[in-house]
All heavy atoms as atom14 arrays in JSON, in Angstrom:
{
  "sequence": "NQAFRYNNHMWGLQFHPEFDVEITHAYIDLVRRYLSKEGQD",
  "atom14_mask": [
    [1, 1, 1, 1, 1, 1, 1, 1, 0, 0, 0, 0, 0, 0],
    [1, 1, 1, 1, 1, 1, 1, 1, 1, 0, 0, 0, 0, 0],
    [1, 1, 1, 1, 1, 0, 0, 0, 0, 0, 0, 0, 0, 0],
    [1, 1, 1, 1, 1, 1, 1, 1, 1, 1, 1, 0, 0, 0],
    [1, 1, 1, 1, 1, 1, 1, 1, 1, 1, 1, 0, 0, 0],
    [1, 1, 1, 1, 1, 1, 1, 1, 1, 1, 1, 1, 0, 0],
    [1, 1, 1, 1, 1, 1, 1, 1, 0, 0, 0, 0, 0, 0],
    [1, 1, 1, 1, 1, 1, 1, 1, 0, 0, 0, 0, 0, 0],
    [1, 1, 1, 1, 1, 1, 1, 1, 1, 1, 0, 0, 0, 0],
    [1, 1, 1, 1, 1, 1, 1, 1, 0, 0, 0, 0, 0, 0],
    [1, 1, 1, 1, 1, 1, 1, 1, 1, 1, 1, 1, 1, 1],
    [1, 1, 1, 1, 0, 0, 0, 0, 0, 0, 0, 0, 0, 0],
    [1, 1, 1, 1, 1, 1, 1, 1, 0, 0, 0, 0, 0, 0],
    [1, 1, 1, 1, 1, 1, 1, 1, 1, 0, 0, 0, 0, 0],
    [1, 1, 1, 1, 1, 1, 1, 1, 1, 1, 1, 0, 0, 0],
    [1, 1, 1, 1, 1, 1, 1, 1, 1, 1, 0, 0, 0, 0],
    [1, 1, 1, 1, 1, 1, 1, 0, 0, 0, 0, 0, 0, 0],
    [1, 1, 1, 1, 1, 1, 1, 1, 1, 0, 0, 0, 0, 0],
    [1, 1, 1, 1, 1, 1, 1, 1, 1, 1, 1, 0, 0, 0],
    [1, 1, 1, 1, 1, 1, 1, 1, 0, 0, 0, 0, 0, 0],
    [1, 1, 1, 1, 1, 1, 1, 0, 0, 0, 0, 0, 0, 0],
    [1, 1, 1, 1, 1, 1, 1, 1, 1, 0, 0, 0, 0, 0],
    [1, 1, 1, 1, 1, 1, 1, 1, 0, 0, 0, 0, 0, 0],
    [1, 1, 1, 1, 1, 1, 1, 0, 0, 0, 0, 0, 0, 0],
    [1, 1, 1, 1, 1, 1, 1, 1, 1, 1, 0, 0, 0, 0],
    [1, 1, 1, 1, 1, 0, 0, 0, 0, 0, 0, 0, 0, 0],
    [1, 1, 1, 1, 1, 1, 1, 1, 1, 1, 1, 1, 0, 0],
    [1, 1, 1, 1, 1, 1, 1, 1, 0, 0, 0, 0, 0, 0],
    [1, 1, 1, 1, 1, 1, 1, 1, 0, 0, 0, 0, 0, 0],
    [1, 1, 1, 1, 1, 1, 1, 1, 0, 0, 0, 0, 0, 0],
    [1, 1, 1, 1, 1, 1, 1, 0, 0, 0, 0, 0, 0, 0],
    [1, 1, 1, 1, 1, 1, 1, 1, 1, 1, 1, 0, 0, 0],
    [1, 1, 1, 1, 1, 1, 1, 1, 1, 1, 1, 0, 0, 0],
    [1, 1, 1, 1, 1, 1, 1, 1, 1, 1, 1, 1, 0, 0],
    [1, 1, 1, 1, 1, 1, 1, 1, 0, 0, 0, 0, 0, 0],
    [1, 1, 1, 1, 1, 1, 0, 0, 0, 0, 0, 0, 0, 0],
    [1, 1, 1, 1, 1, 1, 1, 1, 1, 0, 0, 0, 0, 0],
    [1, 1, 1, 1, 1, 1, 1, 1, 1, 0, 0, 0, 0, 0],
    [1, 1, 1, 1, 0, 0, 0, 0, 0, 0, 0, 0, 0, 0],
    [1, 1, 1, 1, 1, 1, 1, 1, 1, 0, 0, 0, 0, 0],
    [1, 1, 1, 1, 1, 1, 1, 1, 0, 0, 0, 0, 0, 0]
  ],
  "atom14_positions": [
    [[11.05, -4.94, 2.29], [11.55, -4.29, 1.11], [10.62, -3.17, 0.63], [9.98, -3.28, -0.4], [11.8, -5.28, 0.0], [12.83, -6.3, 0.36], [13.92, -5.96, 0.84], [12.52, -7.6, 0.16], [0.0, 0.0, 0.0], [0.0, 0.0, 0.0], [0.0, 0.0, 0.0], [0.0, 0.0, 0.0], [0.0, 0.0, 0.0], [0.0, 0.0, 0.0]],
    [[10.48, -2.1, 1.45], [9.58, -1.04, 1.09], [10.12, -0.1, 0.04], [9.37, 0.55, -0.65], [9.26, -0.21, 2.35], [8.18, -0.79, 3.23], [6.78, -0.62, 2.63], [6.54, 0.22, 1.79], [5.86, -1.47, 3.03], [0.0, 0.0, 0.0], [0.0, 0.0, 0.0], [0.0, 0.0, 0.0], [0.0, 0.0, 0.0], [0.0, 0.0, 0.0]],
    [[11.42, -0.08, -0.17], [12.01, 0.8, -1.14], [13.4, 0.3, -1.53], [14.1, -0.23, -0.73], [12.11, 2.24, -0.64], [0.0, 0.0, 0.0], [0.0, 0.0, 0.0], [0.0, 0.0, 0.0], [0.0, 0.0, 0.0], [0.0, 0.0, 0.0], [0.0, 0.0, 0.0], [0.0, 0.0, 0.0], [0.0, 0.0, 0.0], [0.0, 0.0, 0.0]],
    [[13.72, 0.52, -2.84], [15.07, 0.21, -3.33], [15.46, 1.13, -4.41], [14.63, 1.84, -5.02], [15.19, -1.25, -3.84], [14.42, -1.53, -5.12], [15.05, -1.33, -6.31], [13.14, -2.06, -5.09], [14.39, -1.6, -7.56], [12.49, -2.31, -6.29], [13.08, -2.11, -7.51], [0.0, 0.0, 0.0], [0.0, 0.0, 0.0], [0.0, 0.0, 0.0]],
    [[16.76, 1.21, -4.68], [17.31, 1.98, -5.8], [18.2, 1.06, -6.62], [18.85, 0.17, -6.11], [18.15, 3.16, -5.29], [18.74, 4.05, -6.37], [19.56, 5.21, -5.78], [20.81, 4.75, -5.19], [21.14, 4.82, -3.88], [20.25, 5.29, -3.03], [22.29, 4.4, -3.5], [0.0, 0.0, 0.0], [0.0, 0.0, 0.0], [0.0, 0.0, 0.0]],
    [[18.25, 1.28, -7.91], [19.02, 0.45, -8.83], [19.73, 1.34, -9.85], [19.07, 2.22, -10.43], [18.09, -0.56, -9.55], [18.87, -1.6, -10.36], [19.25, -2.81, -9.72], [19.14, -1.39, -11.68], [19.95, -3.75, -10.45], [19.81, -2.38, -12.42], [20.22, -3.56, -11.76], [20.88, -4.55, -12.49], [0.0, 0.0, 0.0], [0.0, 0.0, 0.0]],
    [[21.02, 1.19, -9.97], [21.87, 1.93, -10.94], [21.73, 3.44, -10.77], [21.96, 4.17, -11.74], [21.49, 1.51, -12.38], [22.26, 0.29, -12.82], [22.92, -0.37, -11.95], [22.18, -0.04, -14.03], [0.0, 0.0, 0.0], [0.0, 0.0, 0.0], [0.0, 0.0, 0.0], [0.0, 0.0, 0.0], [0.0, 0.0, 0.0], [0.0, 0.0, 0.0]],
    [[21.3, 3.92, -9.62], [21.23, 5.31, -9.32], [20.24, 6.11, -10.17], [20.28, 7.33, -10.2], [22.6, 5.97, -9.4], [23.54, 5.49, -8.3], [23.13, 5.32, -7.18], [24.79, 5.24, -8.65], [0.0, 0.0, 0.0], [0.0, 0.0, 0.0], [0.0, 0.0, 0.0], [0.0, 0.0, 0.0], [0.0, 0.0, 0.0], [0.0, 0.0, 0.0]],
    [[19.32, 5.39, -10.89], [18.31, 6.11, -11.63], [16.99, 5.41, -11.67], [16.01, 5.9, -12.3], [18.76, 6.37, -13.09], [18.89, 5.12, -13.91], [17.93, 4.71, -14.75], [19.91, 4.22, -14.02], [18.28, 3.55, -15.36], [19.49, 3.27, -14.91], [0.0, 0.0, 0.0], [0.0, 0.0, 0.0], [0.0, 0.0, 0.0], [0.0, 0.0, 0.0]],
    [[16.89, 4.28, -10.94], [15.62, 3.53, -10.87], [15.26, 3.32, -9.42], [16.13, 2.91, -8.61], [15.74, 2.17, -11.63], [16.3, 2.29, -13.0], [16.46, 0.65, -13.84], [14.92, 0.59, -14.67], [0.0, 0.0, 0.0], [0.0, 0.0, 0.0], [0.0, 0.0, 0.0], [0.0, 0.0, 0.0], [0.0, 0.0, 0.0], [0.0, 0.0, 0.0]],
    [[13.98, 3.51, -9.11], [13.51, 3.36, -7.72], [12.22, 2.55, -7.68], [11.38, 2.64, -8.62], [13.23, 4.67, -7.04], [14.44, 5.49, -6.69], [15.05, 5.52, -5.48], [15.14, 6.4, -7.57], [16.16, 6.39, -5.58], [16.2, 6.98, -6.82], [14.95, 6.82, -8.89], [17.05, 7.89, -7.33], [15.85, 7.73, -9.41], [16.87, 8.26, -8.64]],
    [[12.09, 1.77, -6.63], [10.85, 1.08, -6.35], [10.35, 1.5, -4.96], [11.16, 1.48, -4.01], [0.0, 0.0, 0.0], [0.0, 0.0, 0.0], [0.0, 0.0, 0.0], [0.0, 0.0, 0.0], [0.0, 0.0, 0.0], [0.0, 0.0, 0.0], [0.0, 0.0, 0.0], [0.0, 0.0, 0.0], [0.0, 0.0, 0.0], [0.0, 0.0, 0.0]],
    [[9.08, 1.89, -4.88], [8.47, 2.22, -3.63], [7.25, 1.35, -3.44], [6.34, 1.41, -4.27], [8.04, 3.69, -3.59], [9.11, 4.75, -3.82], [8.48, 6.13, -3.85], [10.2, 4.69, -2.76], [0.0, 0.0, 0.0], [0.0, 0.0, 0.0], [0.0, 0.0, 0.0], [0.0, 0.0, 0.0], [0.0, 0.0, 0.0], [0.0, 0.0, 0.0]],
    [[7.17, 0.56, -2.36], [6.03, -0.24, -2.13], [4.83, 0.61, -1.65], [3.69, 0.34, -1.97], [6.31, -1.36, -1.09], [5.15, -2.28, -0.83], [4.64, -2.93, -2.11], [5.27, -3.8, -2.62], [3.47, -2.52, -2.54], [0.0, 0.0, 0.0], [0.0, 0.0, 0.0], [0.0, 0.0, 0.0], [0.0, 0.0, 0.0], [0.0, 0.0, 0.0]],
    [[5.09, 1.64, -0.87], [4.03, 2.54, -0.45], [3.61, 3.49, -1.55], [4.33, 3.65, -2.55], [4.43, 3.31, 0.82], [5.68, 4.18, 0.63], [5.55, 5.51, 0.3], [6.96, 3.63, 0.8], [6.66, 6.33, 0.15], [8.08, 4.43, 0.65], [7.97, 5.78, 0.3], [0.0, 0.0, 0.0], [0.0, 0.0, 0.0], [0.0, 0.0, 0.0]],
    [[2.47, 4.11, -1.37], [1.89, 5.01, -2.38], [2.14, 6.48, -1.97], [1.36, 7.05, -1.2], [0.38, 4.84, -2.5], [-0.05, 3.6, -3.29], [-0.13, 3.62, -4.68], [-0.37, 2.35, -2.89], [-0.56, 2.41, -5.04], [-0.67, 1.65, -3.98], [0.0, 0.0, 0.0], [0.0, 0.0, 0.0], [0.0, 0.0, 0.0], [0.0, 0.0, 0.0]],
    [[3.13, 7.16, -2.56], [3.38, 8.55, -2.19], [2.29, 9.49, -2.71], [2.16, 10.61, -2.3], [4.73, 8.87, -2.85], [4.81, 7.9, -3.99], [4.12, 6.62, -3.49], [0.0, 0.0, 0.0], [0.0, 0.0, 0.0], [0.0, 0.0, 0.0], [0.0, 0.0, 0.0], [0.0, 0.0, 0.0], [0.0, 0.0, 0.0], [0.0, 0.0, 0.0]],
    [[1.44, 8.96, -3.71], [0.42, 9.8, -4.3], [-0.95, 9.65, -3.63], [-1.87, 10.39, -3.93], [0.31, 9.47, -5.78], [-0.51, 8.24, -6.16], [0.2, 6.9, -5.91], [1.17, 6.83, -5.17], [-0.24, 5.88, -6.51], [0.0, 0.0, 0.0], [0.0, 0.0, 0.0], [0.0, 0.0, 0.0], [0.0, 0.0, 0.0], [0.0, 0.0, 0.0]],
    [[-1.11, 8.72, -2.72], [-2.37, 8.48, -2.05], [-2.58, 9.37, -0.86], [-1.63, 9.78, -0.24], [-2.48, 7.01, -1.62], [-2.91, 6.05, -2.73], [-2.96, 6.41, -4.06], [-3.25, 4.76, -2.38], [-3.32, 5.53, -5.03], [-3.62, 3.85, -3.35], [-3.67, 4.23, -4.66], [0.0, 0.0, 0.0], [0.0, 0.0, 0.0], [0.0, 0.0, 0.0]],
    [[-3.86, 9.6, -0.47], [-4.18, 10.26, 0.75], [-5.14, 9.35, 1.51], [-5.43, 8.22, 1.15], [-4.83, 11.63, 0.48], [-6.1, 11.54, -0.41], [-6.7, 10.46, -0.5], [-6.46, 12.62, -0.93], [0.0, 0.0, 0.0], [0.0, 0.0, 0.0], [0.0, 0.0, 0.0], [0.0, 0.0, 0.0], [0.0, 0.0, 0.0], [0.0, 0.0, 0.0]],
    [[-5.59, 9.86, 2.65], [-6.43, 9.06, 3.57], [-7.69, 8.58, 2.89], [-8.16, 7.41, 3.04], [-6.74, 9.79, 4.86], [-7.85, 9.1, 5.66], [-5.51, 9.9, 5.74], [0.0, 0.0, 0.0], [0.0, 0.0, 0.0], [0.0, 0.0, 0.0], [0.0, 0.0, 0.0], [0.0, 0.0, 0.0], [0.0, 0.0, 0.0], [0.0, 0.0, 0.0]],
    [[-8.34, 9.47, 2.13], [-9.61, 9.09, 1.46], [-9.44, 7.89, 0.54], [-10.26, 6.96, 0.54], [-10.15, 10.28, 0.66], [-11.47, 9.97, -0.02], [-11.95, 11.14, -0.86], [-11.21, 12.06, -1.12], [-13.13, 11.11, -1.31], [0.0, 0.0, 0.0], [0.0, 0.0, 0.0], [0.0, 0.0, 0.0], [0.0, 0.0, 0.0], [0.0, 0.0, 0.0]],
    [[-8.36, 7.89, -0.23], [-8.12, 6.84, -1.16], [-7.76, 5.54, -0.39], [-8.26, 4.44, -0.72], [-7.03, 7.2, -2.16], [-7.46, 8.33, -3.02], [-6.61, 6.0, -3.0], [-6.39, 8.92, -3.95], [0.0, 0.0, 0.0], [0.0, 0.0, 0.0], [0.0, 0.0, 0.0], [0.0, 0.0, 0.0], [0.0, 0.0, 0.0], [0.0, 0.0, 0.0]],
    [[-6.93, 5.68, 0.62], [-6.55, 4.45, 1.45], [-7.75, 3.88, 2.09], [-7.95, 2.66, 2.14], [-5.49, 4.86, 2.45], [-4.37, 5.43, 1.8], [-5.03, 3.62, 3.25], [0.0, 0.0, 0.0], [0.0, 0.0, 0.0], [0.0, 0.0, 0.0], [0.0, 0.0, 0.0], [0.0, 0.0, 0.0], [0.0, 0.0, 0.0], [0.0, 0.0, 0.0]],
    [[-8.69, 4.7, 2.63], [-9.92, 4.21, 3.23], [-10.75, 3.37, 2.19], [-11.3, 2.34, 2.53], [-10.76, 5.38, 3.71], [-10.38, 5.89, 5.05], [-11.02, 6.92, 5.66], [-9.41, 5.55, 5.92], [-10.48, 7.2, 6.83], [-9.48, 6.35, 6.99], [0.0, 0.0, 0.0], [0.0, 0.0, 0.0], [0.0, 0.0, 0.0], [0.0, 0.0, 0.0]],
    [[-10.79, 3.89, 0.94], [-11.54, 3.19, -0.06], [-10.97, 1.81, -0.34], [-11.72, 0.84, -0.56], [-11.59, 3.99, -1.34], [0.0, 0.0, 0.0], [0.0, 0.0, 0.0], [0.0, 0.0, 0.0], [0.0, 0.0, 0.0], [0.0, 0.0, 0.0], [0.0, 0.0, 0.0], [0.0, 0.0, 0.0], [0.0, 0.0, 0.0], [0.0, 0.0, 0.0]],
    [[-9.63, 1.71, -0.31], [-9.0, 0.39, -0.54], [-9.21, -0.51, 0.64], [-9.37, -1.78, 0.44], [-7.5, 0.58, -0.89], [-7.29, 0.76, -2.37], [-7.21, 2.05, -2.9], [-7.21, -0.35, -3.2], [-7.04, 2.26, -4.24], [-7.04, -0.16, -4.54], [-6.94, 1.14, -5.09], [-6.82, 1.29, -6.46], [0.0, 0.0, 0.0], [0.0, 0.0, 0.0]],
    [[-9.18, -0.04, 1.82], [-9.47, -0.85, 3.01], [-10.9, -1.43, 2.9], [-11.14, -2.6, 3.12], [-9.28, -0.09, 4.3], [-7.82, 0.26, 4.54], [-9.8, -0.89, 5.53], [-7.56, 1.18, 5.7], [0.0, 0.0, 0.0], [0.0, 0.0, 0.0], [0.0, 0.0, 0.0], [0.0, 0.0, 0.0], [0.0, 0.0, 0.0], [0.0, 0.0, 0.0]],
    [[-11.84, -0.58, 2.51], [-13.22, -1.04, 2.35], [-13.32, -2.05, 1.25], [-14.14, -3.02, 1.36], [-14.15, 0.17, 2.03], [-14.37, 1.01, 3.24], [-14.28, 0.54, 4.42], [-14.68, 2.23, 3.08], [0.0, 0.0, 0.0], [0.0, 0.0, 0.0], [0.0, 0.0, 0.0], [0.0, 0.0, 0.0], [0.0, 0.0, 0.0], [0.0, 0.0, 0.0]],
    [[-12.54, -1.95, 0.19], [-12.6, -2.83, -0.93], [-12.22, -4.24, -0.5], [-12.76, -5.22, -1.04], [-11.62, -2.33, -2.06], [-11.61, -3.17, -3.35], [-12.93, -3.02, -4.09], [-10.42, -2.73, -4.19], [0.0, 0.0, 0.0], [0.0, 0.0, 0.0], [0.0, 0.0, 0.0], [0.0, 0.0, 0.0], [0.0, 0.0, 0.0], [0.0, 0.0, 0.0]],
    [[-11.27, -4.43, 0.4], [-10.74, -5.71, 0.8], [-11.05, -6.06, 2.25], [-10.44, -6.96, 2.8], [-9.22, -5.83, 0.56], [-8.91, -5.61, -0.92], [-8.45, -4.83, 1.41], [0.0, 0.0, 0.0], [0.0, 0.0, 0.0], [0.0, 0.0, 0.0], [0.0, 0.0, 0.0], [0.0, 0.0, 0.0], [0.0, 0.0, 0.0], [0.0, 0.0, 0.0]],
    [[-12.08, -5.4, 2.82], [-12.3, -5.58, 4.26], [-12.53, -7.0, 4.64], [-12.13, -7.47, 5.72], [-13.36, -4.64, 4.79], [-14.73, -4.8, 4.19], [-15.82, -4.01, 5.04], [-15.4, -2.61, 5.36], [-15.27, -2.19, 6.58], [-15.47, -3.01, 7.62], [-14.92, -0.94, 6.79], [0.0, 0.0, 0.0], [0.0, 0.0, 0.0], [0.0, 0.0, 0.0]],
    [[-13.24, -7.79, 3.85], [-13.56, -9.18, 4.23], [-12.26, -10.03, 4.25], [-12.15, -10.94, 5.04], [-14.63, -9.76, 3.34], [-14.22, -10.12, 1.96], [-15.36, -10.78, 1.2], [-15.04, -11.21, -0.13], [-15.14, -10.47, -1.23], [-15.47, -9.23, -1.12], [-14.8, -10.95, -2.41], [0.0, 0.0, 0.0], [0.0, 0.0, 0.0], [0.0, 0.0, 0.0]],
    [[-11.35, -9.7, 3.33], [-10.07, -10.44, 3.33], [-9.18, -10.05, 4.54], [-8.57, -10.92, 5.15], [-9.31, -10.2, 2.02], [-10.08, -10.6, 0.8], [-10.6, -9.63, -0.06], [-10.24, -11.96, 0.5], [-11.28, -10.06, -1.21], [-10.97, -12.35, -0.64], [-11.48, -11.36, -1.46], [-12.16, -11.74, -2.55], [0.0, 0.0, 0.0], [0.0, 0.0, 0.0]],
    [[-9.24, -8.77, 4.85], [-8.5, -8.35, 6.04], [-9.06, -9.01, 7.33], [-8.28, -9.45, 8.17], [-8.57, -6.83, 6.18], [-7.83, -5.99, 5.06], [-8.25, -4.57, 5.13], [-6.34, -6.15, 5.26], [0.0, 0.0, 0.0], [0.0, 0.0, 0.0], [0.0, 0.0, 0.0], [0.0, 0.0, 0.0], [0.0, 0.0, 0.0], [0.0, 0.0, 0.0]],
    [[-10.38, -9.11, 7.43], [-10.99, -9.7, 8.58], [-10.61, -11.19, 8.69], [-10.39, -11.68, 9.8], [-12.51, -9.55, 8.49], [-12.89, -8.18, 8.58], [0.0, 0.0, 0.0], [0.0, 0.0, 0.0], [0.0, 0.0, 0.0], [0.0, 0.0, 0.0], [0.0, 0.0, 0.0], [0.0, 0.0, 0.0], [0.0, 0.0, 0.0], [0.0, 0.0, 0.0]],
    [[-10.53, -11.85, 7.53], [-10.17, -13.27, 7.54], [-8.75, -13.47, 8.04], [-8.39, -14.52, 8.59], [-10.34, -13.89, 6.11], [-11.78, -14.13, 5.71], [-11.82, -14.7, 4.32], [-13.24, -14.99, 3.93], [-13.32, -15.56, 2.51], [0.0, 0.0, 0.0], [0.0, 0.0, 0.0], [0.0, 0.0, 0.0], [0.0, 0.0, 0.0], [0.0, 0.0, 0.0]],
    [[-7.89, -12.47, 7.86], [-6.52, -12.48, 8.31], [-6.38, -12.07, 9.75], [-5.26, -12.02, 10.31], [-5.63, -11.66, 7.43], [-5.45, -12.2, 6.0], [-4.58, -11.29, 5.15], [-4.09, -10.27, 5.66], [-4.36, -11.65, 3.97], [0.0, 0.0, 0.0], [0.0, 0.0, 0.0], [0.0, 0.0, 0.0], [0.0, 0.0, 0.0], [0.0, 0.0, 0.0]],
    [[-7.49, -11.7, 10.37], [-7.44, -11.22, 11.77], [-7.19, -9.79, 11.97], [-6.9, -9.31, 13.08], [0.0, 0.0, 0.0], [0.0, 0.0, 0.0], [0.0, 0.0, 0.0], [0.0, 0.0, 0.0], [0.0, 0.0, 0.0], [0.0, 0.0, 0.0], [0.0, 0.0, 0.0], [0.0, 0.0, 0.0], [0.0, 0.0, 0.0], [0.0, 0.0, 0.0]],
    [[-7.28, -9.03, 10.85], [-7.11, -7.56, 10.94], [-8.46, -6.9, 11.01], [-9.43, -7.34, 10.41], [-6.31, -7.05, 9.72], [-4.93, -7.68, 9.55], [-4.12, -6.97, 8.52], [-3.81, -5.76, 8.65], [-3.78, -7.66, 7.42], [0.0, 0.0, 0.0], [0.0, 0.0, 0.0], [0.0, 0.0, 0.0], [0.0, 0.0, 0.0], [0.0, 0.0, 0.0]],
    [[-8.55, -5.82, 11.76], [-9.76, -5.06, 11.96], [-9.81, -3.88, 11.01], [-9.04, -2.95, 11.19], [-9.9, -4.59, 13.41], [-11.26, -3.99, 13.72], [-11.85, -3.31, 12.79], [-11.73, -4.13, 14.8], [0.0, 0.0, 0.0], [0.0, 0.0, 0.0], [0.0, 0.0, 0.0], [0.0, 0.0, 0.0], [0.0, 0.0, 0.0], [0.0, 0.0, 0.0]]
  ]
}
């Protein structure tokens, strides 16, 4: 469920349209130990 519309005037987006690579990198670094525990590199 990455995106939905409701009543033709409300939207939900799970992804971040406002983020760029630099910001996404910072978030990966923030949770890297949790990602590693889940088997993600």
